[in-house]
Amino acid sequence: MANQREIQSAYMRALYNIEKPNDSHSSLRSFLDRMESLIRGLEAQRVRVTGVAGDLLVCILLDKLSPDVRRALIRQHKSRILI
């Protein structure tokens, strides 16, 4: 059980410490791919990324984006993104 918690913590730390992308398409794509891979890893460990945890994750990841990218995302998905 302790080993599973360590694995879950490693995934969460990796998400928290994920490198900030620049505004290029390839950097944003790489950021998205890495983020999705880490979230799938958490889900494989039976960690649900929903509710408050999901909202917190969205805020953390949005903070990694440049203001221009964040504005464009918010404009496109107004009703689904926390500001």
C-alpha atoms as a PDB file:
ATOM      1  CA  MET A   1       0.000   0.000   0.000  1.00  0.00           C
ATOM      2  CA  ALA A   2       2.819   2.433   0.837  1.00  0.00           C
ATOM      3  CA  ASN A   3       4.416   1.737  -2.526  1.00  0.00           C
ATOM      4  CA  GLN A   4       1.154   2.591  -4.313  1.00  0.00           C
ATOM      5  CA  ARG A   5       0.949   5.906  -2.422  1.00  0.00           C
ATOM      6  CA  GLU A   6       4.528   6.690  -3.433  1.00  0.00           C
ATOM      7  CA  ILE A   7       3.675   6.020  -7.071  1.00  0.00           C
ATOM      8  CA  GLN A   8       0.559   8.215  -6.853  1.00  0.00           C
ATOM      9  CA  SER A   9       2.577  10.979  -5.191  1.00  0.00           C
ATOM     10  CA  ALA A  10       5.209  10.757  -7.920  1.00  0.00           C
ATOM     11  CA  TYR A  11       2.531  11.236 -10.598  1.00  0.00           C
ATOM     12  CA  MET A  12       1.033  14.180  -8.718  1.00  0.00           C
ATOM     13  CA  ARG A  13       4.442  15.794  -8.223  1.00  0.00           C
ATOM     14  CA  ALA A  14       5.212  15.313 -11.905  1.00  0.00           C
ATOM     15  CA  LEU A  15       1.939  17.055 -12.836  1.00  0.00           C
ATOM     16  CA  TYR A  16       2.652  19.889 -10.426  1.00  0.00           C
ATOM     17  CA  ASN A  17       6.212  20.272 -11.729  1.00  0.00           C
ATOM     18  CA  ILE A  18       5.418  19.811 -15.416  1.00  0.00           C
ATOM     19  CA  GLU A  19       7.539  22.169 -17.486  1.00  0.00           C
ATOM     20  CA  LYS A  20       5.853  25.324 -18.716  1.00  0.00           C
ATOM     21  CA  PRO A  21       5.337  25.343 -22.483  1.00  0.00           C
ATOM     22  CA  ASN A  22       6.141  28.292 -24.681  1.00  0.00           C
ATOM     23  CA  ASP A  23       3.565  29.537 -27.191  1.00  0.00           C
ATOM     24  CA  SER A  24       4.702  27.336 -30.081  1.00  0.00           C
ATOM     25  CA  HIS A  25       2.386  24.637 -31.346  1.00  0.00           C
ATOM     26  CA  SER A  26       4.944  21.873 -30.769  1.00  0.00           C
ATOM     27  CA  SER A  27       5.625  22.986 -27.187  1.00  0.00           C
ATOM     28  CA  LEU A  28       1.906  23.172 -26.373  1.00  0.00           C
ATOM     29  CA  ARG A  29       1.328  19.751 -27.980  1.00  0.00           C
ATOM     30  CA  SER A  30       4.184  18.253 -25.956  1.00  0.00           C
ATOM     31  CA  PHE A  31       2.762  19.829 -22.764  1.00  0.00           C
ATOM     32  CA  LEU A  32      -0.693  18.392 -23.495  1.00  0.00           C
ATOM     33  CA  ASP A  33       0.690  14.943 -24.319  1.00  0.00           C
ATOM     34  CA  ARG A  34       2.770  14.846 -21.117  1.00  0.00           C
ATOM     35  CA  MET A  35      -0.150  16.068 -19.018  1.00  0.00           C
ATOM     36  CA  GLU A  36      -2.534  13.468 -20.496  1.00  0.00           C
ATOM     37  CA  SER A  37       0.029  10.708 -19.969  1.00  0.00           C
ATOM     38  CA  LEU A  38       0.455  11.624 -16.303  1.00  0.00           C
ATOM     39  CA  ILE A  39      -3.310  11.825 -15.749  1.00  0.00           C
ATOM     40  CA  ARG A  40      -3.749   8.391 -17.367  1.00  0.00           C
ATOM     41  CA  GLY A  41      -1.039   7.113 -15.021  1.00  0.00           C
ATOM     42  CA  LEU A  42      -2.953   8.457 -12.034  1.00  0.00           C
ATOM     43  CA  GLU A  43      -6.166   6.903 -13.276  1.00  0.00           C
ATOM     44  CA  ALA A  44      -4.356   3.563 -13.712  1.00  0.00           C
ATOM     45  CA  GLN A  45      -3.474   3.853 -10.016  1.00  0.00           C
ATOM     46  CA  ARG A  46      -7.206   4.246  -9.319  1.00  0.00           C
ATOM     47  CA  VAL A  47      -6.915   7.953  -8.535  1.00  0.00           C
ATOM     48  CA  ARG A  48      -9.965   9.859  -9.777  1.00  0.00           C
ATOM     49  CA  VAL A  49      -9.127  13.277 -11.169  1.00  0.00           C
ATOM     50  CA  THR A  50     -12.587  14.771 -10.704  1.00  0.00           C
ATOM     51  CA  GLY A  51     -14.360  17.202  -8.405  1.00  0.00           C
ATOM     52  CA  VAL A  52     -12.172  19.472  -6.307  1.00  0.00           C
ATOM     53  CA  ALA A  53      -9.000  17.595  -7.269  1.00  0.00           C
ATOM     54  CA  GLY A  54      -9.779  18.078 -10.958  1.00  0.00           C
ATOM     55  CA  ASP A  55     -10.578  21.759 -10.464  1.00  0.00           C
ATOM     56  CA  LEU A  56      -7.329  22.279  -8.583  1.00  0.00           C
ATOM     57  CA  LEU A  57      -5.389  20.488 -11.297  1.00  0.00           C
ATOM     58  CA  VAL A  58      -6.968  22.714 -13.964  1.00  0.00           C
ATOM     59  CA  CYS A  59      -5.923  25.834 -12.028  1.00  0.00           C
ATOM     60  CA  ILE A  60      -2.359  24.590 -11.587  1.00  0.00           C
ATOM     61  CA  LEU A  61      -2.016  23.688 -15.261  1.00  0.00           C
ATOM     62  CA  LEU A  62      -3.621  26.918 -16.494  1.00  0.00           C
ATOM     63  CA  ASP A  63      -1.069  28.853 -14.446  1.00  0.00           C
ATOM     64  CA  LYS A  64       1.661  27.164 -16.490  1.00  0.00           C
ATOM     65  CA  LEU A  65       0.326  28.665 -19.731  1.00  0.00           C
ATOM     66  CA  SER A  66       1.253  32.092 -20.998  1.00  0.00           C
ATOM     67  CA  PRO A  67      -1.376  34.839 -20.612  1.00  0.00           C
ATOM     68  CA  ASP A  68      -2.013  34.842 -24.377  1.00  0.00           C
ATOM     69  CA  VAL A  69      -2.636  31.092 -24.547  1.00  0.00           C
ATOM     70  CA  ARG A  70      -4.764  31.225 -21.401  1.00  0.00           C
ATOM     71  CA  ARG A  71      -6.904  34.036 -22.849  1.00  0.00           C
ATOM     72  CA  ALA A  72      -7.417  32.102 -26.092  1.00  0.00           C
ATOM     73  CA  LEU A  73      -8.405  28.974 -24.149  1.00  0.00           C
ATOM     74  CA  ILE A  74     -10.831  30.880 -21.968  1.00  0.00           C
ATOM     75  CA  ARG A  75     -12.394  32.576 -24.999  1.00  0.00           C
ATOM     76  CA  GLN A  76     -12.935  29.223 -26.695  1.00  0.00           C
ATOM     77  CA  HIS A  77     -14.221  27.363 -23.642  1.00  0.00           C
ATOM     78  CA  LYS A  78     -15.804  30.077 -21.507  1.00  0.00           C
ATOM     79  CA  SER A  79     -18.381  27.927 -19.766  1.00  0.00           C
ATOM     80  CA  ARG A  80     -16.023  25.003 -19.037  1.00  0.00           C
ATOM     81  CA  ILE A  81     -12.850  26.656 -17.722  1.00  0.00           C
ATOM     82  CA  LEU A  82     -12.317  28.061 -14.267  1.00  0.00           C
ATOM     83  CA  ILE A  83     -10.903  31.568 -14.419  1.00  0.00           C
END
